[in-house]
Amino acid sequence: MDVTLAIVIAVVVVALVFDYTNGFHDAANAIATSVSTRALTPRIALALAAVMNFVGAFLGQKVAHTVSDTISPPETNHGLIIVMAGLVGAIAWNLITWYFGLPSSSSHALIGGLVGAAVAGGVTVSWSTVLEKVVIPMFLSPLFAFGAGFLAMLAVYWIFRRANPHKANKGFRIAQTISAAAMALGHGLQDAQKTMGVIFLALVTGGYVATEEAGGERPLWVISSAAAATRRPRIIHLDPPQGFAAESVAASVLYTTAYVYEAPISTTHTITSAVMGVGATKRLSAVRWGVARTILTAWVLTFPMAASVAAVTYWILHLITQI
């Protein structure tokens, strides 16, 4: 087998492994709120998440384009080693945070890994893309989700202030089926596309497809495989109205950033911030701020830690292969 083809296959396999770790790491965030409020049983929620994640992967490719534009590895085996190292860095951080139960961002782990490997390998990083599409949205999207969650919950309280609590909760449990589906769709729209972007980057680097600028398109098997592979510590107790508000806000943020800003934001950051926002309407002390600080620490560490692991991985692979 041709060496380049072998490396491309290896990169694709590792990319799908990343997508899988992203699935068991992040996909649960799309349904955790509905399960915690008992709007959906775990079995139904998982089935809903699986279907909507798959559908969401086919609804756009703007985020994938952003990911593949983050770095510009040479179209050589050396470039493929850089992409491989970036994926390993992201997977390592996903597994570490999953083991300790920290809801960190697979999105930022992936971008951090690619950037770390690119810097170690001495290739070009599109710092403007990293700043505008990753760093700025990384800080703004949680803040917006928190504020929007707070306001949305106030609106729900006002609109249903005279409603019978039992009937209202029953109605919101039904409504959460829709909001949970919207969250799962948003997760597929955001997270599956990131893996598509990396696989496409590997195919371009290996010379198997043309760049988008040259008219290259993502093969259908790339979209399908990324969709198929994508399958929180509790910070506050939620009731069905709060769960509906949090999921609706988070889903709206995911759609807006994907379609309007082409930004690969974190599903985890978004839903967690929205949950804190709706919880803060009860009283600020209702939010477990100690847990929130732990989560924030994991968020801040994600980019540099994934980048560091990717850089070390690149040096090891480069030493072994001498590519």
Protein backbone atom coordinates (compact mmCIF):
# COMPACT_ATOMS: atom_id res chain seq x y z
CA MET A 1 0.00 0.00 0.00
CA ASP A 2 1.18 3.51 -0.81
CA VAL A 3 2.64 5.20 2.31
CA THR A 4 0.60 8.37 1.81
CA LEU A 5 -2.63 6.40 1.42
CA ALA A 6 -1.84 4.43 4.58
CA ILE A 7 -1.28 7.61 6.55
CA VAL A 8 -4.50 9.16 5.17
CA ILE A 9 -6.48 6.07 6.21
CA ALA A 10 -4.89 6.23 9.67
CA VAL A 11 -5.79 9.92 10.00
CA VAL A 12 -9.39 9.25 8.94
CA VAL A 13 -9.68 6.43 11.49
CA VAL A 14 -8.23 8.64 14.25
CA ALA A 15 -10.59 11.46 13.21
CA LEU A 16 -13.56 9.12 13.61
CA VAL A 17 -12.21 8.02 17.00
CA PHE A 18 -12.14 11.70 17.96
CA ASP A 19 -15.72 12.02 16.73
CA TYR A 20 -16.70 9.03 18.86
CA THR A 21 -15.03 10.47 21.98
CA ASN A 22 -16.82 13.71 21.20
CA GLY A 23 -20.06 11.73 21.05
CA PHE A 24 -19.84 10.10 24.48
CA HIS A 25 -18.24 13.28 25.88
CA ASP A 26 -20.55 15.95 24.45
CA ALA A 27 -23.64 14.40 22.88
CA ALA A 28 -25.08 13.64 26.33
CA ASN A 29 -25.21 17.39 26.96
CA ALA A 30 -27.87 17.67 24.29
CA ILE A 31 -30.20 15.33 26.20
CA ALA A 32 -29.05 15.62 29.83
CA THR A 33 -31.43 18.49 30.58
CA SER A 34 -34.49 16.58 29.32
CA VAL A 35 -33.49 13.46 31.27
CA SER A 36 -32.81 15.42 34.47
CA THR A 37 -36.29 16.99 34.36
CA ARG A 38 -37.82 13.58 33.51
CA ALA A 39 -39.32 15.01 30.35
CA LEU A 40 -37.79 12.06 28.49
CA THR A 41 -36.62 8.64 29.59
CA PRO A 42 -32.92 7.93 28.97
CA ARG A 43 -33.76 5.36 26.27
CA ILE A 44 -36.03 7.71 24.33
CA ALA A 45 -33.63 10.62 24.80
CA LEU A 46 -30.71 8.60 23.44
CA ALA A 47 -32.73 7.49 20.40
CA LEU A 48 -33.82 11.07 19.75
CA ALA A 49 -30.26 12.33 20.10
CA ALA A 50 -28.91 9.69 17.72
CA VAL A 51 -31.41 10.51 14.98
CA MET A 52 -31.22 14.29 15.28
CA ASN A 53 -27.41 14.32 15.53
CA PHE A 54 -27.24 12.35 12.27
CA VAL A 55 -29.69 14.68 10.52
CA GLY A 56 -27.91 17.79 11.81
CA ALA A 57 -24.64 16.70 10.22
CA PHE A 58 -26.20 17.05 6.75
CA LEU A 59 -27.63 20.54 7.25
CA GLY A 60 -24.54 22.61 6.55
CA GLN A 61 -20.78 22.66 6.09
CA LYS A 62 -19.78 26.18 7.12
CA VAL A 63 -18.27 25.06 10.43
CA ALA A 64 -16.35 22.31 8.65
CA HIS A 65 -14.92 24.94 6.29
CA THR A 66 -13.73 27.00 9.25
CA VAL A 67 -12.01 23.99 10.85
CA SER A 68 -10.23 23.00 7.64
CA ASP A 69 -9.06 26.60 7.17
CA THR A 70 -7.49 26.86 10.64
CA ILE A 71 -4.10 25.52 9.56
CA SER A 72 -2.37 25.09 6.18
CA PRO A 73 -0.25 21.94 6.33
CA PRO A 74 1.87 21.11 3.27
CA GLU A 75 0.41 18.54 0.87
CA THR A 76 2.95 15.95 1.97
CA ASN A 77 3.22 13.11 4.48
CA HIS A 78 4.67 15.68 6.89
CA GLY A 79 1.41 17.60 6.69
CA LEU A 80 -0.58 14.44 7.44
CA ILE A 81 1.56 13.79 10.52
CA ILE A 82 0.66 17.30 11.74
CA VAL A 83 -3.07 16.62 11.30
CA MET A 84 -2.70 13.26 13.07
CA ALA A 85 -0.88 14.86 16.01
CA GLY A 86 -3.61 17.50 16.33
CA LEU A 87 -6.27 14.80 16.54
CA VAL A 88 -4.33 12.84 19.16
CA GLY A 89 -4.05 15.98 21.31
CA ALA A 90 -7.80 16.54 21.10
CA ILE A 91 -8.62 12.90 21.89
CA ALA A 92 -6.26 12.88 24.88
CA TRP A 93 -7.90 15.95 26.42
CA ASN A 94 -11.37 14.55 25.73
CA LEU A 95 -10.50 11.34 27.58
CA ILE A 96 -8.87 13.15 30.50
CA THR A 97 -11.85 15.46 31.07
CA TRP A 98 -14.33 12.61 30.52
CA TYR A 99 -12.53 10.53 33.17
CA PHE A 100 -12.77 13.35 35.71
CA GLY A 101 -16.34 14.21 34.72
CA LEU A 102 -15.51 17.71 33.45
CA PRO A 103 -17.72 19.07 30.63
CA SER A 104 -14.93 20.63 28.57
CA SER A 105 -15.18 21.56 24.91
CA SER A 106 -14.27 19.01 22.24
CA SER A 107 -14.43 21.85 19.73
CA HIS A 108 -11.72 23.85 21.41
CA ALA A 109 -9.72 20.69 22.08
CA LEU A 110 -9.71 19.98 18.35
CA ILE A 111 -8.73 23.50 17.32
CA GLY A 112 -6.14 23.65 20.09
CA GLY A 113 -4.70 20.32 18.98
CA LEU A 114 -4.43 21.39 15.34
CA VAL A 115 -2.82 24.70 16.27
CA GLY A 116 -0.36 23.06 18.68
CA ALA A 117 0.71 20.49 16.09
CA ALA A 118 0.99 23.15 13.39
CA VAL A 119 3.20 25.38 15.54
CA ALA A 120 5.40 22.42 16.48
CA GLY A 121 5.62 21.41 12.82
CA GLY A 122 6.46 24.91 11.67
CA VAL A 123 3.48 25.38 9.33
CA THR A 124 1.10 28.27 8.86
CA VAL A 125 -1.72 28.89 11.33
CA SER A 126 -4.55 31.22 10.33
CA TRP A 127 -4.47 33.24 13.52
CA SER A 128 -7.22 35.56 12.27
CA THR A 129 -9.52 32.54 11.88
CA VAL A 130 -8.54 31.25 15.33
CA LEU A 131 -9.22 34.66 16.89
CA GLU A 132 -12.43 35.57 15.04
CA LYS A 133 -14.03 32.13 14.72
CA VAL A 134 -12.78 30.38 17.86
CA VAL A 135 -11.40 32.57 20.65
CA ILE A 136 -13.94 35.42 20.51
CA PRO A 137 -16.98 33.07 20.18
CA MET A 138 -15.46 30.92 22.96
CA PHE A 139 -15.90 33.81 25.39
CA LEU A 140 -19.00 35.48 23.95
CA SER A 141 -21.25 32.44 23.37
CA PRO A 142 -21.37 31.33 27.05
CA LEU A 143 -22.00 34.90 28.18
CA PHE A 144 -24.78 35.31 25.66
CA ALA A 145 -26.29 31.92 26.56
CA PHE A 146 -26.25 32.81 30.26
CA GLY A 147 -27.93 36.20 29.69
CA ALA A 148 -30.43 34.84 27.18
CA GLY A 149 -31.25 31.92 29.47
CA PHE A 150 -31.89 34.33 32.35
CA LEU A 151 -34.19 36.54 30.23
CA ALA A 152 -35.99 33.58 28.63
CA MET A 153 -36.75 32.12 32.05
CA LEU A 154 -38.07 35.46 33.29
CA ALA A 155 -40.33 35.57 30.23
CA VAL A 156 -41.62 32.05 30.96
CA TYR A 157 -42.34 32.96 34.58
CA TRP A 158 -44.23 36.09 33.47
CA ILE A 159 -46.25 34.44 30.70
CA PHE A 160 -47.27 31.46 32.85
CA ARG A 161 -47.52 33.28 36.19
CA ARG A 162 -51.22 32.41 36.56
CA ALA A 163 -51.00 28.88 35.14
CA ASN A 164 -51.67 25.79 37.22
CA PRO A 165 -48.18 24.50 38.18
CA HIS A 166 -49.07 20.84 37.59
CA LYS A 167 -50.56 21.48 34.14
CA ALA A 168 -47.73 23.84 33.23
CA ASN A 169 -45.07 21.27 34.13
CA LYS A 170 -46.88 18.62 32.11
CA GLY A 171 -47.04 20.93 29.11
CA PHE A 172 -43.36 21.86 29.37
CA ARG A 173 -42.37 18.19 29.56
CA ILE A 174 -44.05 17.74 26.18
CA ALA A 175 -42.44 20.92 24.88
CA GLN A 176 -39.04 19.62 25.99
CA THR A 177 -39.32 16.86 23.42
CA ILE A 178 -39.08 19.59 20.79
CA SER A 179 -36.36 21.58 22.54
CA ALA A 180 -34.29 18.43 23.17
CA ALA A 181 -34.58 17.50 19.50
CA ALA A 182 -33.49 21.01 18.58
CA MET A 183 -30.46 20.70 20.87
CA ALA A 184 -29.47 17.33 19.38
CA LEU A 185 -29.87 18.74 15.88
CA GLY A 186 -27.66 21.67 16.83
CA HIS A 187 -25.05 19.30 18.24
CA GLY A 188 -24.94 17.40 14.93
CA LEU A 189 -24.82 20.66 13.01
CA GLN A 190 -21.86 21.87 15.05
CA ASP A 191 -19.83 18.88 16.21
CA ALA A 192 -20.08 16.42 13.31
CA GLN A 193 -18.94 19.19 10.98
CA LYS A 194 -15.70 19.60 12.91
CA THR A 195 -14.73 16.03 12.14
CA MET A 196 -15.75 16.53 8.51
CA GLY A 197 -13.41 19.50 8.37
CA VAL A 198 -10.45 17.50 9.69
CA ILE A 199 -11.05 14.54 7.35
CA PHE A 200 -11.35 16.91 4.39
CA LEU A 201 -8.14 18.61 5.52
CA ALA A 202 -6.40 15.21 5.56
CA LEU A 203 -7.69 14.33 2.08
CA VAL A 204 -6.50 17.68 0.71
CA THR A 205 -3.13 17.31 2.43
CA GLY A 206 -2.74 13.81 1.00
CA GLY A 207 -3.64 15.07 -2.48
CA TYR A 208 -6.80 12.98 -2.80
CA VAL A 209 -9.24 15.89 -3.23
CA ALA A 210 -8.86 19.45 -4.39
CA THR A 211 -9.18 22.41 -2.04
CA GLU A 212 -12.53 24.16 -1.86
CA GLU A 213 -10.98 27.14 -3.61
CA ALA A 214 -10.13 24.81 -6.51
CA GLY A 215 -13.65 23.38 -6.58
CA GLY A 216 -13.14 20.40 -4.28
CA GLU A 217 -16.17 19.13 -2.34
CA ARG A 218 -16.52 16.93 0.71
CA PRO A 219 -17.37 13.38 -0.38
CA LEU A 220 -20.68 12.01 0.88
CA TRP A 221 -18.88 9.24 2.79
CA VAL A 222 -17.06 11.90 4.82
CA ILE A 223 -20.34 13.49 5.89
CA SER A 224 -22.02 10.14 6.59
CA SER A 225 -19.14 8.70 8.61
CA ALA A 226 -18.77 11.85 10.69
CA ALA A 227 -22.51 11.86 11.37
CA ALA A 228 -22.57 8.19 12.35
CA ALA A 229 -19.61 8.44 14.74
CA THR A 230 -21.17 11.30 16.69
CA ARG A 231 -23.51 9.63 18.94
CA ARG A 232 -22.36 17.58 32.94
CA PRO A 233 -21.93 17.44 36.30
CA ARG A 234 -25.19 18.76 37.69
CA ILE A 235 -24.85 22.43 38.49
CA ILE A 236 -28.46 23.10 39.45
CA HIS A 237 -31.75 21.24 39.87
CA LEU A 238 -34.06 21.96 36.94
CA ASP A 239 -37.79 21.73 36.49
CA PRO A 240 -39.44 21.29 33.04
CA PRO A 241 -39.98 25.02 32.33
CA GLN A 242 -36.32 25.73 33.12
CA GLY A 243 -35.18 22.79 31.02
CA PHE A 244 -37.26 23.99 28.07
CA ALA A 245 -35.89 27.54 28.35
CA ALA A 246 -32.28 26.37 28.62
CA GLU A 247 -32.51 23.99 25.66
CA SER A 248 -34.33 26.51 23.47
CA VAL A 249 -31.74 29.20 24.14
CA ALA A 250 -28.78 26.84 23.66
CA ALA A 251 -30.17 25.46 20.40
CA SER A 252 -30.71 29.00 19.07
CA VAL A 253 -27.09 29.91 19.87
CA LEU A 254 -25.80 26.76 18.13
CA TYR A 255 -27.78 27.48 14.95
CA THR A 256 -26.83 31.14 14.85
CA THR A 257 -23.10 30.56 15.28
CA ALA A 258 -23.10 27.73 12.70
CA TYR A 259 -25.07 29.46 9.95
CA VAL A 260 -24.33 33.15 10.51
CA TYR A 261 -20.83 33.26 12.00
CA GLU A 262 -19.48 29.87 10.79
CA ALA A 263 -17.97 29.51 14.27
CA PRO A 264 -17.24 26.08 15.82
CA ILE A 265 -18.52 26.77 19.33
CA SER A 266 -18.94 24.33 22.19
CA THR A 267 -22.26 22.58 22.77
CA THR A 268 -21.10 21.96 26.33
CA HIS A 269 -20.31 25.61 27.04
CA THR A 270 -23.58 26.73 25.52
CA ILE A 271 -26.02 24.43 27.33
CA THR A 272 -24.15 24.71 30.64
CA SER A 273 -24.22 28.51 30.49
CA ALA A 274 -27.90 28.53 29.54
CA VAL A 275 -28.67 26.21 32.47
CA MET A 276 -26.84 28.56 34.84
CA GLY A 277 -28.73 31.51 33.38
CA VAL A 278 -32.17 29.99 33.92
CA GLY A 279 -31.14 28.76 37.37
CA ALA A 280 -30.03 32.22 38.42
CA THR A 281 -33.63 33.46 38.08
CA LYS A 282 -34.50 31.54 41.26
CA ARG A 283 -31.68 33.08 43.21
CA LEU A 284 -27.95 33.35 42.60
CA SER A 285 -27.23 30.92 45.41
CA ALA A 286 -29.27 28.26 43.59
CA VAL A 287 -26.39 27.84 41.15
CA ARG A 288 -23.54 25.71 42.43
CA TRP A 289 -20.84 28.25 41.71
CA GLY A 290 -18.09 25.98 43.04
CA VAL A 291 -18.91 23.44 40.32
CA ALA A 292 -19.19 26.29 37.82
CA ARG A 293 -15.65 27.45 38.73
CA THR A 294 -14.32 23.93 38.15
CA ILE A 295 -16.02 23.86 34.76
CA LEU A 296 -14.59 27.29 33.90
CA THR A 297 -11.10 26.09 34.80
CA ALA A 298 -11.48 23.13 32.43
CA TRP A 299 -12.69 25.48 29.68
CA VAL A 300 -9.68 27.77 30.07
CA LEU A 301 -7.22 24.87 30.11
CA THR A 302 -8.69 23.05 27.11
CA PHE A 303 -7.02 24.98 24.28
CA PRO A 304 -3.46 25.15 25.71
CA MET A 305 -3.49 21.59 27.11
CA ALA A 306 -4.73 20.03 23.85
CA ALA A 307 -2.17 22.13 21.98
CA SER A 308 0.63 20.95 24.28
CA VAL A 309 -0.28 17.27 23.94
CA ALA A 310 -0.51 17.67 20.16
CA ALA A 311 2.90 19.34 20.00
CA VAL A 312 4.53 16.53 22.00
CA THR A 313 2.73 13.95 19.83
CA TYR A 314 4.01 15.64 16.68
CA TRP A 315 7.61 15.55 17.93
CA ILE A 316 7.28 11.85 18.79
CA LEU A 317 5.71 10.95 15.44
CA HIS A 318 8.24 13.06 13.57
CA LEU A 319 11.08 11.35 15.39
CA ILE A 320 9.67 7.87 14.67
CA THR A 321 8.84 8.47 11.02
CA GLN A 322 11.44 11.12 10.21
CA ILE A 323 8.86 12.75 7.92
